[in-house]
């Protein structure tokens, strides 16, 4: 029994070393803008465990193959808003949106959502939000007339409720409401908006 425990511990340690090496390799491949966006989004890890791994293994490769879109909002050279969208043959989804708390209530969330909706080519993408974070998004969801379609307990965090929107409509191709007002420059899968 001791041998099995030791072998298990040794294998776990080897996996951890391999994961650190893999993480270092992944970090070496991301651009400074992608790295800055990751640092800005990391506070979301409390609601979404494994966020950094998801970003490095799903988002960054998706930016390369253009199945993901990164929207950045900057003011005075500082990153104050980020959004990530996903579009592939099975799904149009807004994955992540975060606005710096110091800039809440200034319409920046609408700018991020609109840039993502424009890229997705849909007014009804799939998205989920933690029930505890819903108050920060309610006005935006009402504005776009997003429909809650289900609720899932424990999807990301034990006992936390994740609310899903537009599950059956995410393949719509209607252009977004504000696309004509976007002042964005697009490079390498990234929209850069200056607020």
Protein backbone atom coordinates (compact mmCIF):
# COMPACT_ATOMS: atom_id res chain seq x y z
CA UNK A 1 0.00 0.00 0.00
CA UNK A 2 2.82 2.44 0.82
CA UNK A 3 4.36 1.79 -2.59
CA UNK A 4 1.09 2.66 -4.36
CA UNK A 5 0.73 5.87 -2.36
CA UNK A 6 4.31 6.85 -3.12
CA UNK A 7 3.90 6.01 -6.83
CA UNK A 8 0.67 8.00 -6.91
CA UNK A 9 2.38 10.97 -5.27
CA UNK A 10 5.33 10.65 -7.66
CA UNK A 11 3.00 10.56 -10.69
CA UNK A 12 1.08 13.58 -9.38
CA UNK A 13 4.35 15.45 -8.92
CA UNK A 14 5.47 14.51 -12.46
CA UNK A 15 2.11 15.70 -13.85
CA UNK A 16 2.48 18.99 -11.96
CA UNK A 17 5.97 19.49 -13.41
CA UNK A 18 4.71 18.63 -16.90
CA UNK A 19 1.78 21.06 -16.42
CA UNK A 20 4.16 23.83 -15.32
CA UNK A 21 6.31 23.15 -18.39
CA UNK A 22 3.23 23.12 -20.65
CA UNK A 23 2.00 26.36 -19.05
CA UNK A 24 5.38 28.00 -19.59
CA UNK A 25 5.34 26.93 -23.26
CA UNK A 26 1.81 28.29 -23.69
CA UNK A 27 2.68 31.57 -21.99
CA UNK A 28 5.65 31.94 -24.33
CA UNK A 29 3.31 31.86 -27.35
CA UNK A 30 0.91 34.63 -26.34
CA UNK A 31 1.18 38.23 -27.44
CA UNK A 32 1.59 41.08 -24.95
CA UNK A 33 -2.04 42.15 -25.57
CA UNK A 34 -3.27 38.59 -24.91
CA UNK A 35 -1.17 38.41 -21.75
CA UNK A 36 -2.52 41.76 -20.55
CA UNK A 37 -6.08 40.58 -21.23
CA UNK A 38 -5.42 37.38 -19.26
CA UNK A 39 -4.13 39.37 -16.28
CA UNK A 40 -7.19 41.65 -16.48
CA UNK A 41 -9.56 38.65 -16.59
CA UNK A 42 -7.91 36.54 -13.84
CA UNK A 43 -10.16 37.96 -11.07
CA UNK A 44 -12.95 35.94 -12.73
CA UNK A 45 -11.21 32.75 -11.54
CA UNK A 46 -13.23 32.78 -8.30
CA UNK A 47 -16.41 32.15 -10.32
CA UNK A 48 -14.74 30.06 -13.01
CA UNK A 49 -12.06 27.70 -11.64
CA UNK A 50 -9.46 26.77 -14.24
CA UNK A 51 -9.93 30.08 -16.02
CA UNK A 52 -6.25 30.53 -16.83
CA UNK A 53 -5.98 27.02 -18.30
CA UNK A 54 -9.12 27.64 -20.39
CA UNK A 55 -7.68 30.92 -21.67
CA UNK A 56 -4.29 29.40 -22.57
CA UNK A 57 -5.58 26.14 -24.08
CA UNK A 58 -8.84 27.26 -25.70
CA UNK A 59 -8.91 31.02 -26.20
CA UNK A 60 -5.36 31.61 -27.46
CA UNK A 61 -5.47 28.74 -30.01
CA UNK A 62 -8.95 29.97 -31.02
CA UNK A 63 -7.55 33.44 -31.67
CA UNK A 64 -4.99 31.83 -33.99
CA UNK A 65 -7.58 29.84 -35.96
CA UNK A 66 -10.12 32.69 -35.81
CA UNK A 67 -12.80 30.74 -33.92
CA UNK A 68 -12.36 33.18 -30.98
CA UNK A 69 -12.39 36.96 -30.84
CA UNK A 70 -10.82 39.16 -28.19
CA UNK A 71 -12.27 42.65 -27.71
CA UNK A 72 -10.21 45.15 -25.71
CA UNK A 73 -11.37 48.55 -24.46
CA UNK A 74 -8.63 50.97 -23.45
CA UNK A 75 -8.66 54.42 -21.89
CA UNK A 76 -5.52 56.53 -21.51
CA UNK A 77 -3.39 53.50 -22.39
CA UNK A 78 -4.95 51.27 -19.71
CA UNK A 79 -7.07 48.20 -20.32
CA UNK A 80 -10.54 48.80 -18.83
CA UNK A 81 -12.68 46.22 -20.62
CA UNK A 82 -12.34 42.82 -22.27
CA UNK A 83 -14.71 40.46 -24.04
CA UNK A 84 -14.20 37.05 -25.63
CA UNK A 85 -16.46 35.48 -28.23
CA UNK A 86 -16.52 32.04 -29.82
CA UNK A 87 -17.86 31.17 -33.25
CA UNK A 88 -17.59 27.75 -34.84
CA UNK A 89 -19.81 25.31 -36.74
CA UNK A 90 -21.76 24.41 -33.58
CA UNK A 91 -22.00 27.60 -31.55
CA UNK A 92 -22.01 31.39 -31.45
CA UNK A 93 -21.22 32.40 -27.89
CA UNK A 94 -20.15 35.31 -25.75
CA UNK A 95 -17.73 33.57 -23.39
CA UNK A 96 -16.44 36.34 -21.14
CA UNK A 97 -16.97 40.04 -20.51
CA UNK A 98 -15.32 42.13 -17.82
CA UNK A 99 -15.29 45.89 -17.33
CA UNK A 100 -13.06 47.52 -14.71
CA UNK A 101 -15.20 48.38 -11.70
CA UNK A 102 -14.02 52.00 -11.89
CA UNK A 103 -15.74 52.24 -15.30
CA UNK A 104 -19.10 50.60 -14.52
CA UNK A 105 -22.18 52.41 -15.78
CA UNK A 106 -20.46 54.25 -18.65
CA UNK A 107 -21.75 52.18 -21.56
CA UNK A 108 -18.52 50.23 -22.03
CA UNK A 109 -20.28 46.90 -21.54
CA UNK A 110 -22.55 47.76 -24.48
CA UNK A 111 -19.48 48.53 -26.60
CA UNK A 112 -17.92 45.16 -25.77
CA UNK A 113 -21.18 43.30 -26.37
CA UNK A 114 -21.79 45.10 -29.63
CA UNK A 115 -18.30 44.38 -30.96
CA UNK A 116 -18.78 40.69 -30.11
CA UNK A 117 -22.30 40.58 -31.59
CA UNK A 118 -20.98 42.19 -34.77
CA UNK A 119 -18.16 39.62 -35.03
CA UNK A 120 -20.53 36.75 -34.25
CA UNK A 121 -23.07 38.01 -36.78
CA UNK A 122 -25.84 37.37 -34.26
CA UNK A 123 -28.13 39.32 -31.96
CA UNK A 124 -28.87 36.20 -29.90
CA UNK A 125 -25.64 34.39 -29.05
CA UNK A 126 -25.49 31.79 -26.33
CA UNK A 127 -24.01 32.99 -23.04
CA UNK A 128 -24.08 32.15 -19.36
CA UNK A 129 -23.70 34.27 -16.26
CA UNK A 130 -23.39 33.43 -12.60
CA UNK A 131 -26.60 34.29 -10.77
CA UNK A 132 -24.53 36.36 -8.33
CA UNK A 133 -23.18 38.47 -11.25
CA UNK A 134 -26.54 38.93 -13.00
CA UNK A 135 -27.22 42.42 -11.54
CA UNK A 136 -24.15 43.75 -13.39
CA UNK A 137 -25.51 42.43 -16.71
CA UNK A 138 -29.31 42.73 -16.37
CA UNK A 139 -29.63 46.07 -18.15
CA UNK A 140 -27.48 44.88 -21.04
CA UNK A 141 -29.49 41.64 -21.35
CA UNK A 142 -32.74 43.62 -21.30
CA UNK A 143 -31.40 46.04 -23.92
CA UNK A 144 -30.59 43.19 -26.30
CA UNK A 145 -33.72 41.25 -25.30
CA UNK A 146 -31.69 38.16 -24.37
CA UNK A 147 -33.90 35.35 -23.09
CA UNK A 148 -32.94 33.17 -20.13
CA UNK A 149 -33.41 29.60 -21.30
CA UNK A 150 -32.10 27.49 -18.41
CA UNK A 151 -30.33 27.46 -15.05
CA UNK A 152 -27.63 25.01 -13.95
CA UNK A 153 -26.46 24.46 -10.39
CA UNK A 154 -22.81 23.53 -9.90
CA UNK A 155 -21.78 24.00 -13.53
CA UNK A 156 -18.57 25.84 -12.59
CA UNK A 157 -18.69 26.26 -8.80
CA UNK A 158 -20.38 23.92 -6.35
CA UNK A 159 -23.87 25.16 -5.38
CA UNK A 160 -23.56 28.27 -7.59
CA UNK A 161 -26.30 28.82 -10.17
CA UNK A 162 -25.25 29.61 -13.73
CA UNK A 163 -27.99 31.15 -15.89
CA UNK A 164 -27.99 30.35 -19.63
CA UNK A 165 -29.37 32.67 -22.31
CA UNK A 166 -30.37 32.22 -25.96
CA UNK A 167 -29.48 28.52 -26.09
CA UNK A 168 -31.68 27.74 -29.09
CA UNK A 169 -31.02 30.97 -30.98
CA UNK A 170 -27.23 31.15 -31.10
CA UNK A 171 -27.02 30.40 -34.81
CA UNK A 172 -28.88 33.58 -35.89
CA UNK A 173 -27.07 35.78 -38.41
CA UNK A 174 -28.76 39.13 -37.81
CA UNK A 175 -26.27 42.01 -37.52
CA UNK A 176 -25.96 43.72 -34.15
CA UNK A 177 -27.73 46.95 -33.16
CA UNK A 178 -24.75 49.27 -32.85
CA UNK A 179 -22.28 47.88 -35.38
CA UNK A 180 -22.20 51.11 -37.39
CA UNK A 181 -20.98 53.07 -34.36
CA UNK A 182 -17.95 50.94 -33.59
CA UNK A 183 -14.63 52.73 -33.72
CA UNK A 184 -12.40 49.66 -33.65
CA UNK A 185 -9.21 48.53 -35.29
CA UNK A 186 -9.01 44.78 -35.91
CA UNK A 187 -5.69 42.92 -35.92
CA UNK A 188 -4.93 39.23 -35.29
CA UNK A 189 -8.37 38.35 -33.98
CA UNK A 190 -8.43 41.34 -31.61
CA UNK A 191 -10.70 44.37 -31.75
CA UNK A 192 -9.13 47.32 -30.01
CA UNK A 193 -11.52 50.07 -28.94
CA UNK A 194 -10.28 53.28 -27.47
CA UNK A 195 -12.79 54.82 -25.08
